[in-house]
Amino acid sequence: MIGEHVIVGYTDDSGGRDALVLGAAITGVTGGELTVATIYPPGSPGQAVEAQANLAHAAALLEGVPAEFMAFESRGAGRGLSVLASRIRADLVVAGSADGGPRDRIHLGSTSDHLLHLSPEAVMLAPAGYQPPERPSRLTLAYVHRPQCDTAVERVAQAALRLDVPLRLITFDLRTEDQGRLRDDLALAVRLAWEGTGIEAEAEVSEGHDVVSAVAATEWLPGELLVCAASEDAQPHRVFIGELAMKLLRASPCPVAVLPRGFS
C-alpha cells in the first residue's frame, strides 16, 4: 500500500503548505515515514540557504510531527523530487497546486506536470486550500476496462481493506459509450475486488456531457481520495497520465493519486 514512505515537495507558499498537511495526514494514518524536501537549482548558494530556511519553516508548521528534512540540488523541482524519491525509497510523492488556480481544485505547474509524466513512484496532488480530516472516508478508483485499471482494482482494494474504508469504483460516461457495457465492465471489476480482498466495492456510472459535468454530478465525501491508474502509454514503473485522467484530475474536488504502471 502506498504511504509507507511519503516524500513531500515543499515550497514556502500555499501549495507547499497544502502538500505538507496532506503528506502528514497520510503518514498519520499509515504510520509511514515522512520526508519533506525542498529542491534548489545547482550553483545557487543563496537559494541553498533559502531552501534550508524553508525546511525550518516546514518543521515549525508540522508542530512536532516526526519527519526528515532534505534540501536537494536539481535543475528542476519535478526531476529532483523523482530522483530523491527513488534514492530514499519513498513510495508516494505529494505535491500541491500551483498558484493561479481556483480554490478546491488542482492546478498544475511545471513540478506536478513533470511528476505526472515521469515519476517512478505514485504521485498525489492536493487541491488548493485542502484541509484533510483526521481519517480518509473512502477510496474511489476511476475505472475503465483495461489492464492498468484491473491491476489498480486489486491494489486499491487492498489499501481500502487496510485503512478500513469503503471502496468505490466509478466510471465516467461522457455519453460516447454503451452504458450497458460500462456497467458490465464495472461488475467484473467489483468481482475482482471481492476475489482479492473480500471487499464489496460500490459501483457507479456518472454521466455528463464532459468530464467537468460528470464530476460535478458525482457525490464526493469529505476525506475522499481519488485514484487513477497510469496510461497504457506509460513506461514500466513510471507514471504517465492520459488526456481523460488529466481532465479528471483538474476537475476533482479531492486529492488525486496516480499510480505508476506496474505498481505493486
C-alpha atoms as a PDB file:
ATOM      1  CA  MET A   1       0.000   0.000   0.000  1.00  0.00           C
ATOM      2  CA  ILE A   2       1.260   3.483  -0.802  1.00  0.00           C
ATOM      3  CA  GLY A   3       2.064   5.676   2.160  1.00  0.00           C
ATOM      4  CA  GLU A   4       4.783   3.603   3.804  1.00  0.00           C
ATOM      5  CA  HIS A   5       7.273   6.362   2.967  1.00  0.00           C
ATOM      6  CA  VAL A   6       5.929   9.696   1.742  1.00  0.00           C
ATOM      7  CA  ILE A   7       8.037  12.483   0.300  1.00  0.00           C
ATOM      8  CA  VAL A   8       6.516  15.964   0.205  1.00  0.00           C
ATOM      9  CA  GLY A   9       7.744  18.572  -2.237  1.00  0.00           C
ATOM     10  CA  TYR A  10       7.727  21.666  -0.034  1.00  0.00           C
ATOM     11  CA  THR A  11       7.813  25.275  -1.155  1.00  0.00           C
ATOM     12  CA  ASP A  12       7.094  28.230   1.104  1.00  0.00           C
ATOM     13  CA  ASP A  13       3.730  29.068  -0.468  1.00  0.00           C
ATOM     14  CA  SER A  14       0.108  27.934  -0.239  1.00  0.00           C
ATOM     15  CA  GLY A  15       0.677  24.910  -2.494  1.00  0.00           C
ATOM     16  CA  GLY A  16       3.633  23.775  -0.423  1.00  0.00           C
ATOM     17  CA  ARG A  17       1.651  24.082   2.788  1.00  0.00           C
ATOM     18  CA  ASP A  18      -1.262  22.116   1.289  1.00  0.00           C
ATOM     19  CA  ALA A  19       1.140  19.349   0.269  1.00  0.00           C
ATOM     20  CA  LEU A  20       2.713  19.341   3.725  1.00  0.00           C
ATOM     21  CA  VAL A  21      -0.557  18.868   5.615  1.00  0.00           C
ATOM     22  CA  LEU A  22      -1.689  16.181   3.162  1.00  0.00           C
ATOM     23  CA  GLY A  23       1.590  14.261   3.437  1.00  0.00           C
ATOM     24  CA  ALA A  24       1.483  14.443   7.223  1.00  0.00           C
ATOM     25  CA  ALA A  25      -2.138  13.273   7.230  1.00  0.00           C
ATOM     26  CA  ILE A  26      -1.268  10.257   5.081  1.00  0.00           C
ATOM     27  CA  THR A  27       1.601   9.094   7.280  1.00  0.00           C
ATOM     28  CA  GLY A  28      -0.505   9.794  10.350  1.00  0.00           C
ATOM     29  CA  VAL A  29      -2.958   7.166   9.093  1.00  0.00           C
ATOM     30  CA  THR A  30      -0.495   4.665   7.611  1.00  0.00           C
ATOM     31  CA  GLY A  31       2.208   5.012  10.257  1.00  0.00           C
ATOM     32  CA  GLY A  32       4.741   5.521   7.463  1.00  0.00           C
ATOM     33  CA  GLU A  33       7.834   7.686   7.229  1.00  0.00           C
ATOM     34  CA  LEU A  34       7.593  11.323   6.177  1.00  0.00           C
ATOM     35  CA  THR A  35      10.333  13.168   4.298  1.00  0.00           C
ATOM     36  CA  VAL A  36       9.974  16.854   3.479  1.00  0.00           C
ATOM     37  CA  ALA A  37      12.138  18.017   0.597  1.00  0.00           C
ATOM     38  CA  THR A  38      12.911  21.393  -0.943  1.00  0.00           C
ATOM     39  CA  ILE A  39      14.607  21.424  -4.342  1.00  0.00           C
ATOM     40  CA  TYR A  40      17.006  24.192  -5.332  1.00  0.00           C
ATOM     41  CA  PRO A  41      18.990  24.790  -8.549  1.00  0.00           C
ATOM     42  CA  PRO A  42      22.718  23.960  -8.801  1.00  0.00           C
ATOM     43  CA  GLY A  43      25.279  26.729  -8.477  1.00  0.00           C
ATOM     44  CA  SER A  44      22.998  28.877  -6.295  1.00  0.00           C
ATOM     45  CA  PRO A  45      24.407  29.197  -2.758  1.00  0.00           C
ATOM     46  CA  GLY A  46      21.789  31.790  -1.864  1.00  0.00           C
ATOM     47  CA  GLN A  47      18.924  29.500  -2.868  1.00  0.00           C
ATOM     48  CA  ALA A  48      20.552  26.611  -0.984  1.00  0.00           C
ATOM     49  CA  VAL A  49      20.402  28.743   2.171  1.00  0.00           C
ATOM     50  CA  GLU A  50      16.802  29.686   1.360  1.00  0.00           C
ATOM     51  CA  ALA A  51      15.937  26.004   0.955  1.00  0.00           C
ATOM     52  CA  GLN A  52      17.176  25.319   4.482  1.00  0.00           C
ATOM     53  CA  ALA A  53      15.095  28.220   5.786  1.00  0.00           C
ATOM     54  CA  ASN A  54      12.039  26.805   4.015  1.00  0.00           C
ATOM     55  CA  LEU A  55      12.602  23.447   5.670  1.00  0.00           C
ATOM     56  CA  ALA A  56      12.862  25.096   9.084  1.00  0.00           C
ATOM     57  CA  HIS A  57       9.515  26.752   8.386  1.00  0.00           C
ATOM     58  CA  ALA A  58       8.021  23.395   7.359  1.00  0.00           C
ATOM     59  CA  ALA A  59       9.242  21.835  10.610  1.00  0.00           C
ATOM     60  CA  ALA A  60       7.526  24.586  12.580  1.00  0.00           C
ATOM     61  CA  LEU A  61       4.264  24.015  10.674  1.00  0.00           C
ATOM     62  CA  LEU A  62       4.369  20.287  11.421  1.00  0.00           C
ATOM     63  CA  GLU A  63       4.420  21.067  15.151  1.00  0.00           C
ATOM     64  CA  GLY A  64       6.407  18.039  16.224  1.00  0.00           C
ATOM     65  CA  VAL A  65       5.197  15.530  13.637  1.00  0.00           C
ATOM     66  CA  PRO A  66       8.159  13.179  13.044  1.00  0.00           C
ATOM     67  CA  ALA A  67       9.823  13.878   9.697  1.00  0.00           C
ATOM     68  CA  GLU A  68      13.149  14.039   7.933  1.00  0.00           C
ATOM     69  CA  PHE A  69      14.046  17.267   6.126  1.00  0.00           C
ATOM     70  CA  MET A  70      16.201  17.361   2.995  1.00  0.00           C
ATOM     71  CA  ALA A  71      17.404  20.114   0.673  1.00  0.00           C
ATOM     72  CA  PHE A  72      18.278  18.618  -2.707  1.00  0.00           C
ATOM     73  CA  GLU A  73      20.063  20.161  -5.679  1.00  0.00           C
ATOM     74  CA  SER A  74      18.493  19.637  -9.109  1.00  0.00           C
ATOM     75  CA  ARG A  75      17.861  21.542 -12.320  1.00  0.00           C
ATOM     76  CA  GLY A  76      14.121  21.045 -11.926  1.00  0.00           C
ATOM     77  CA  ALA A  77      11.871  20.556  -8.911  1.00  0.00           C
ATOM     78  CA  GLY A  78       9.907  17.707 -10.502  1.00  0.00           C
ATOM     79  CA  ARG A  79      13.033  15.910 -11.615  1.00  0.00           C
ATOM     80  CA  GLY A  80      14.683  16.457  -8.239  1.00  0.00           C
ATOM     81  CA  LEU A  81      11.701  15.003  -6.366  1.00  0.00           C
ATOM     82  CA  SER A  82      11.625  11.979  -8.690  1.00  0.00           C
ATOM     83  CA  VAL A  83      15.337  11.284  -8.220  1.00  0.00           C
ATOM     84  CA  LEU A  84      15.204  11.818  -4.472  1.00  0.00           C
ATOM     85  CA  ALA A  85      12.108   9.618  -4.103  1.00  0.00           C
ATOM     86  CA  SER A  86      13.995   6.762  -5.772  1.00  0.00           C
ATOM     87  CA  ARG A  87      17.101   7.289  -3.640  1.00  0.00           C
ATOM     88  CA  ILE A  88      15.275   7.222  -0.312  1.00  0.00           C
ATOM     89  CA  ARG A  89      12.824   4.515  -1.467  1.00  0.00           C
ATOM     90  CA  ALA A  90       9.727   6.619  -0.991  1.00  0.00           C
ATOM     91  CA  ASP A  91       6.562   5.122  -2.468  1.00  0.00           C
ATOM     92  CA  LEU A  92       4.498   8.318  -2.769  1.00  0.00           C
ATOM     93  CA  VAL A  93       5.377  11.843  -3.901  1.00  0.00           C
ATOM     94  CA  VAL A  94       2.993  14.545  -2.660  1.00  0.00           C
ATOM     95  CA  ALA A  95       2.811  17.999  -4.229  1.00  0.00           C
ATOM     96  CA  GLY A  96       0.461  20.952  -4.009  1.00  0.00           C
ATOM     97  CA  SER A  97      -1.288  23.046  -6.619  1.00  0.00           C
ATOM     98  CA  ALA A  98       0.466  25.829  -8.461  1.00  0.00           C
ATOM     99  CA  ASP A  99      -0.573  29.422  -7.833  1.00  0.00           C
ATOM    100  CA  GLY A 100      -3.281  30.919 -10.023  1.00  0.00           C
ATOM    101  CA  GLY A 101      -5.865  28.151  -9.942  1.00  0.00           C
ATOM    102  CA  PRO A 102      -9.312  28.014  -8.311  1.00  0.00           C
ATOM    103  CA  ARG A 103      -9.695  27.040  -4.677  1.00  0.00           C
ATOM    104  CA  ASP A 104     -10.608  23.394  -4.017  1.00  0.00           C
ATOM    105  CA  ARG A 105      -9.231  22.310  -7.385  1.00  0.00           C
ATOM    106  CA  ILE A 106      -5.858  21.059  -8.590  1.00  0.00           C
ATOM    107  CA  HIS A 107      -3.895  23.489 -10.746  1.00  0.00           C
ATOM    108  CA  LEU A 108      -0.831  22.045 -12.431  1.00  0.00           C
ATOM    109  CA  GLY A 109       2.544  23.732 -12.601  1.00  0.00           C
ATOM    110  CA  SER A 110       5.858  22.577 -14.056  1.00  0.00           C
ATOM    111  CA  THR A 111       6.678  20.440 -10.999  1.00  0.00           C
ATOM    112  CA  SER A 112       3.423  18.491 -10.910  1.00  0.00           C
ATOM    113  CA  ASP A 113       3.376  18.199 -14.705  1.00  0.00           C
ATOM    114  CA  HIS A 114       6.808  16.561 -14.639  1.00  0.00           C
ATOM    115  CA  LEU A 115       5.777  14.186 -11.862  1.00  0.00           C
ATOM    116  CA  LEU A 116       2.623  13.151 -13.719  1.00  0.00           C
ATOM    117  CA  HIS A 117       4.612  12.153 -16.789  1.00  0.00           C
ATOM    118  CA  LEU A 118       7.869  10.700 -15.459  1.00  0.00           C
ATOM    119  CA  SER A 119       7.728   9.871 -11.744  1.00  0.00           C
ATOM    120  CA  PRO A 120       8.838   6.331 -10.831  1.00  0.00           C
ATOM    121  CA  GLU A 121       6.608   6.470  -7.744  1.00  0.00           C
ATOM    122  CA  ALA A 122       2.927   7.132  -7.157  1.00  0.00           C
ATOM    123  CA  VAL A 123       2.047  10.839  -7.203  1.00  0.00           C
ATOM    124  CA  MET A 124      -0.636  12.563  -5.119  1.00  0.00           C
ATOM    125  CA  LEU A 125      -1.710  16.152  -5.674  1.00  0.00           C
ATOM    126  CA  ALA A 126      -3.596  18.324  -3.203  1.00  0.00           C
ATOM    127  CA  PRO A 127      -6.323  20.760  -4.282  1.00  0.00           C
ATOM    128  CA  ALA A 128      -5.710  24.403  -3.416  1.00  0.00           C
ATOM    129  CA  GLY A 129      -6.631  25.141   0.179  1.00  0.00           C
ATOM    130  CA  TYR A 130      -7.028  21.476   1.091  1.00  0.00           C
ATOM    131  CA  GLN A 131      -7.507  20.645   4.762  1.00  0.00           C
ATOM    132  CA  PRO A 132      -7.542  16.894   5.399  1.00  0.00           C
ATOM    133  CA  PRO A 133      -9.793  15.335   8.030  1.00  0.00           C
ATOM    134  CA  GLU A 134      -8.397  13.056  10.718  1.00  0.00           C
ATOM    135  CA  ARG A 135      -9.023   9.948   8.609  1.00  0.00           C
ATOM    136  CA  PRO A 136      -9.902   9.199   4.971  1.00  0.00           C
ATOM    137  CA  SER A 137     -13.570   8.415   4.396  1.00  0.00           C
ATOM    138  CA  ARG A 138     -13.468   6.466   1.121  1.00  0.00           C
ATOM    139  CA  LEU A 139     -11.170   5.454  -1.731  1.00  0.00           C
ATOM    140  CA  THR A 140     -12.547   5.963  -5.225  1.00  0.00           C
ATOM    141  CA  LEU A 141     -10.870   4.419  -8.257  1.00  0.00           C
ATOM    142  CA  ALA A 142     -11.598   5.911 -11.681  1.00  0.00           C
ATOM    143  CA  TYR A 143     -12.218   2.729 -13.659  1.00  0.00           C
ATOM    144  CA  VAL A 144     -12.104   1.857 -17.341  1.00  0.00           C
ATOM    145  CA  HIS A 145     -11.757  -1.694 -18.571  1.00  0.00           C
ATOM    146  CA  ARG A 146      -8.046  -2.025 -19.345  1.00  0.00           C
ATOM    147  CA  PRO A 147      -5.138  -3.905 -17.787  1.00  0.00           C
ATOM    148  CA  GLN A 148      -3.712  -0.996 -15.771  1.00  0.00           C
ATOM    149  CA  CYS A 149      -7.073  -0.346 -14.125  1.00  0.00           C
ATOM    150  CA  ASP A 150      -7.677  -4.029 -13.424  1.00  0.00           C
ATOM    151  CA  THR A 151      -4.345  -4.180 -11.620  1.00  0.00           C
ATOM    152  CA  ALA A 152      -5.221  -0.973  -9.757  1.00  0.00           C
ATOM    153  CA  VAL A 153      -8.526  -2.503  -8.570  1.00  0.00           C
ATOM    154  CA  GLU A 154      -6.637  -5.153  -6.621  1.00  0.00           C
ATOM    155  CA  ARG A 155      -4.118  -2.690  -5.180  1.00  0.00           C
ATOM    156  CA  VAL A 156      -6.651  -0.052  -4.172  1.00  0.00           C
ATOM    157  CA  ALA A 157      -8.931  -2.728  -2.671  1.00  0.00           C
ATOM    158  CA  GLN A 158      -6.023  -3.869  -0.502  1.00  0.00           C
ATOM    159  CA  ALA A 159      -5.455  -0.262   0.598  1.00  0.00           C
ATOM    160  CA  ALA A 160      -9.156   0.192   1.441  1.00  0.00           C
ATOM    161  CA  LEU A 161      -9.091  -3.011   3.472  1.00  0.00           C
ATOM    162  CA  ARG A 162      -6.040  -1.877   5.419  1.00  0.00           C
ATOM    163  CA  LEU A 163      -7.453   1.602   6.010  1.00  0.00           C
ATOM    164  CA  ASP A 164     -10.886   0.170   6.878  1.00  0.00           C
ATOM    165  CA  VAL A 165     -12.704   2.490   4.470  1.00  0.00           C
ATOM    166  CA  PRO A 166     -15.218   1.790   1.680  1.00  0.00           C
ATOM    167  CA  LEU A 167     -14.056   1.333  -1.916  1.00  0.00           C
ATOM    168  CA  ARG A 168     -15.914   2.875  -4.835  1.00  0.00           C
ATOM    169  CA  LEU A 169     -15.261   2.019  -8.473  1.00  0.00           C
ATOM    170  CA  ILE A 170     -16.532   4.769 -10.728  1.00  0.00           C
ATOM    171  CA  THR A 171     -16.761   5.094 -14.490  1.00  0.00           C
ATOM    172  CA  PHE A 172     -17.404   8.464 -16.084  1.00  0.00           C
ATOM    173  CA  ASP A 173     -19.810   8.102 -19.003  1.00  0.00           C
ATOM    174  CA  LEU A 174     -19.430  11.044 -21.374  1.00  0.00           C
ATOM    175  CA  ARG A 175     -22.290   9.674 -23.479  1.00  0.00           C
ATOM    176  CA  THR A 176     -19.973   8.213 -26.059  1.00  0.00           C
ATOM    177  CA  GLU A 177     -20.126   4.608 -24.829  1.00  0.00           C
ATOM    178  CA  ASP A 178     -22.739   1.882 -24.369  1.00  0.00           C
ATOM    179  CA  GLN A 179     -23.749   2.290 -20.722  1.00  0.00           C
ATOM    180  CA  GLY A 180     -24.792  -1.362 -20.501  1.00  0.00           C
ATOM    181  CA  ARG A 181     -21.285  -2.425 -21.445  1.00  0.00           C
ATOM    182  CA  LEU A 182     -19.801   0.049 -18.967  1.00  0.00           C
ATOM    183  CA  ARG A 183     -21.918  -1.429 -16.167  1.00  0.00           C
ATOM    184  CA  ASP A 184     -20.911  -4.962 -17.181  1.00  0.00           C
ATOM    185  CA  ASP A 185     -17.246  -3.932 -17.019  1.00  0.00           C
ATOM    186  CA  LEU A 186     -17.807  -2.412 -13.576  1.00  0.00           C
ATOM    187  CA  ALA A 187     -19.491  -5.598 -12.364  1.00  0.00           C
ATOM    188  CA  LEU A 188     -16.405  -7.581 -13.362  1.00  0.00           C
ATOM    189  CA  ALA A 189     -14.190  -5.068 -11.523  1.00  0.00           C
ATOM    190  CA  VAL A 190     -16.352  -5.386  -8.390  1.00  0.00           C
ATOM    191  CA  ARG A 191     -15.912  -9.156  -8.595  1.00  0.00           C
ATOM    192  CA  LEU A 192     -12.147  -8.697  -8.983  1.00  0.00           C
ATOM    193  CA  ALA A 193     -12.011  -6.596  -5.796  1.00  0.00           C
ATOM    194  CA  TRP A 194     -14.089  -9.178  -3.932  1.00  0.00           C
ATOM    195  CA  GLU A 195     -11.996 -12.135  -5.047  1.00  0.00           C
ATOM    196  CA  GLY A 196      -8.767 -10.410  -3.998  1.00  0.00           C
ATOM    197  CA  THR A 197      -9.793  -8.931  -0.649  1.00  0.00           C
ATOM    198  CA  GLY A 198     -13.396  -9.776   0.247  1.00  0.00           C
ATOM    199  CA  ILE A 199     -14.353  -6.104  -0.085  1.00  0.00           C
ATOM    200  CA  GLU A 200     -17.785  -5.335  -1.529  1.00  0.00           C
ATOM    201  CA  ALA A 201     -16.956  -2.312  -3.655  1.00  0.00           C
ATOM    202  CA  GLU A 202     -19.556   0.232  -4.645  1.00  0.00           C
ATOM    203  CA  ALA A 203     -20.014   0.591  -8.414  1.00  0.00           C
ATOM    204  CA  GLU A 204     -21.134   3.834 -10.019  1.00  0.00           C
ATOM    205  CA  VAL A 205     -21.507   5.271 -13.503  1.00  0.00           C
ATOM    206  CA  SER A 206     -21.533   9.070 -13.511  1.00  0.00           C
ATOM    207  CA  GLU A 207     -22.901  10.728 -16.641  1.00  0.00           C
ATOM    208  CA  GLY A 208     -22.109  14.087 -18.156  1.00  0.00           C
ATOM    209  CA  HIS A 209     -21.525  15.859 -21.456  1.00  0.00           C
ATOM    210  CA  ASP A 210     -17.891  16.289 -20.427  1.00  0.00           C
ATOM    211  CA  VAL A 211     -15.584  15.391 -17.559  1.00  0.00           C
ATOM    212  CA  VAL A 212     -16.353  18.547 -15.578  1.00  0.00           C
ATOM    213  CA  SER A 213     -20.113  17.950 -15.617  1.00  0.00           C
ATOM    214  CA  ALA A 214     -19.705  14.231 -14.844  1.00  0.00           C
ATOM    215  CA  VAL A 215     -17.501  15.013 -11.835  1.00  0.00           C
ATOM    216  CA  ALA A 216     -19.930  17.727 -10.687  1.00  0.00           C
ATOM    217  CA  ALA A 217     -22.782  15.193 -10.818  1.00  0.00           C
ATOM    218  CA  THR A 218     -20.887  12.848  -8.505  1.00  0.00           C
ATOM    219  CA  GLU A 219     -21.078  12.835  -4.708  1.00  0.00           C
ATOM    220  CA  TRP A 220     -17.714  13.393  -3.027  1.00  0.00           C
ATOM    221  CA  LEU A 221     -17.322  12.779   0.688  1.00  0.00           C
ATOM    222  CA  PRO A 222     -15.124  14.884   2.968  1.00  0.00           C
ATOM    223  CA  GLY A 223     -11.921  12.886   3.264  1.00  0.00           C
ATOM    224  CA  GLU A 224     -12.344  11.141  -0.095  1.00  0.00           C
ATOM    225  CA  LEU A 225      -9.272  10.175  -2.125  1.00  0.00           C
ATOM    226  CA  LEU A 226      -9.468   9.632  -5.887  1.00  0.00           C
ATOM    227  CA  VAL A 227      -7.069   7.177  -7.519  1.00  0.00           C
ATOM    228  CA  CYS A 228      -6.209   6.921 -11.223  1.00  0.00           C
ATOM    229  CA  ALA A 229      -4.133   4.278 -12.960  1.00  0.00           C
ATOM    230  CA  ALA A 230      -1.314   5.233 -15.299  1.00  0.00           C
ATOM    231  CA  SER A 231      -1.985   5.350 -19.013  1.00  0.00           C
ATOM    232  CA  GLU A 232      -1.233   2.269 -21.103  1.00  0.00           C
ATOM    233  CA  ASP A 233       1.363   4.504 -22.807  1.00  0.00           C
ATOM    234  CA  ALA A 234       3.384   4.767 -19.581  1.00  0.00           C
ATOM    235  CA  GLN A 235       6.825   3.224 -19.427  1.00  0.00           C
ATOM    236  CA  PRO A 236       7.101   0.313 -16.983  1.00  0.00           C
ATOM    237  CA  HIS A 237       7.249   1.571 -13.371  1.00  0.00           C
ATOM    238  CA  ARG A 238       6.538   5.143 -14.404  1.00  0.00           C
ATOM    239  CA  VAL A 239       3.590   7.476 -14.025  1.00  0.00           C
ATOM    240  CA  PHE A 240       2.111   8.782 -17.244  1.00  0.00           C
ATOM    241  CA  ILE A 241      -1.322  10.360 -17.117  1.00  0.00           C
ATOM    242  CA  GLY A 242      -3.610  10.228 -20.148  1.00  0.00           C
ATOM    243  CA  GLU A 243      -5.772  13.033 -21.531  1.00  0.00           C
ATOM    244  CA  LEU A 244      -9.026  11.899 -19.888  1.00  0.00           C
ATOM    245  CA  ALA A 245      -7.382  11.336 -16.497  1.00  0.00           C
ATOM    246  CA  MET A 246      -5.756  14.768 -16.758  1.00  0.00           C
ATOM    247  CA  LYS A 247      -9.180  16.377 -17.216  1.00  0.00           C
ATOM    248  CA  LEU A 248     -10.498  14.353 -14.295  1.00  0.00           C
ATOM    249  CA  LEU A 249      -7.615  15.457 -12.091  1.00  0.00           C
ATOM    250  CA  ARG A 250      -8.259  19.113 -12.854  1.00  0.00           C
ATOM    251  CA  ALA A 251     -11.978  18.760 -12.094  1.00  0.00           C
ATOM    252  CA  SER A 252     -11.596  16.747  -8.880  1.00  0.00           C
ATOM    253  CA  PRO A 253     -12.526  18.430  -5.576  1.00  0.00           C
ATOM    254  CA  CYS A 254     -10.408  15.951  -3.600  1.00  0.00           C
ATOM    255  CA  PRO A 255      -6.769  14.810  -3.646  1.00  0.00           C
ATOM    256  CA  VAL A 256      -5.852  12.616  -6.604  1.00  0.00           C
ATOM    257  CA  ALA A 257      -3.258   9.830  -6.609  1.00  0.00           C
ATOM    258  CA  VAL A 258      -1.862   8.477  -9.885  1.00  0.00           C
ATOM    259  CA  LEU A 259      -0.256   5.043  -9.762  1.00  0.00           C
ATOM    260  CA  PRO A 260       2.749   4.145 -11.917  1.00  0.00           C
ATOM    261  CA  ARG A 261       2.465   1.382 -14.465  1.00  0.00           C
ATOM    262  CA  GLY A 262       3.155  -1.957 -12.840  1.00  0.00           C
ATOM    263  CA  PHE A 263       2.510  -0.553  -9.354  1.00  0.00           C
ATOM    264  CA  SER A 264       2.732  -3.278  -6.732  1.00  0.00           C
END
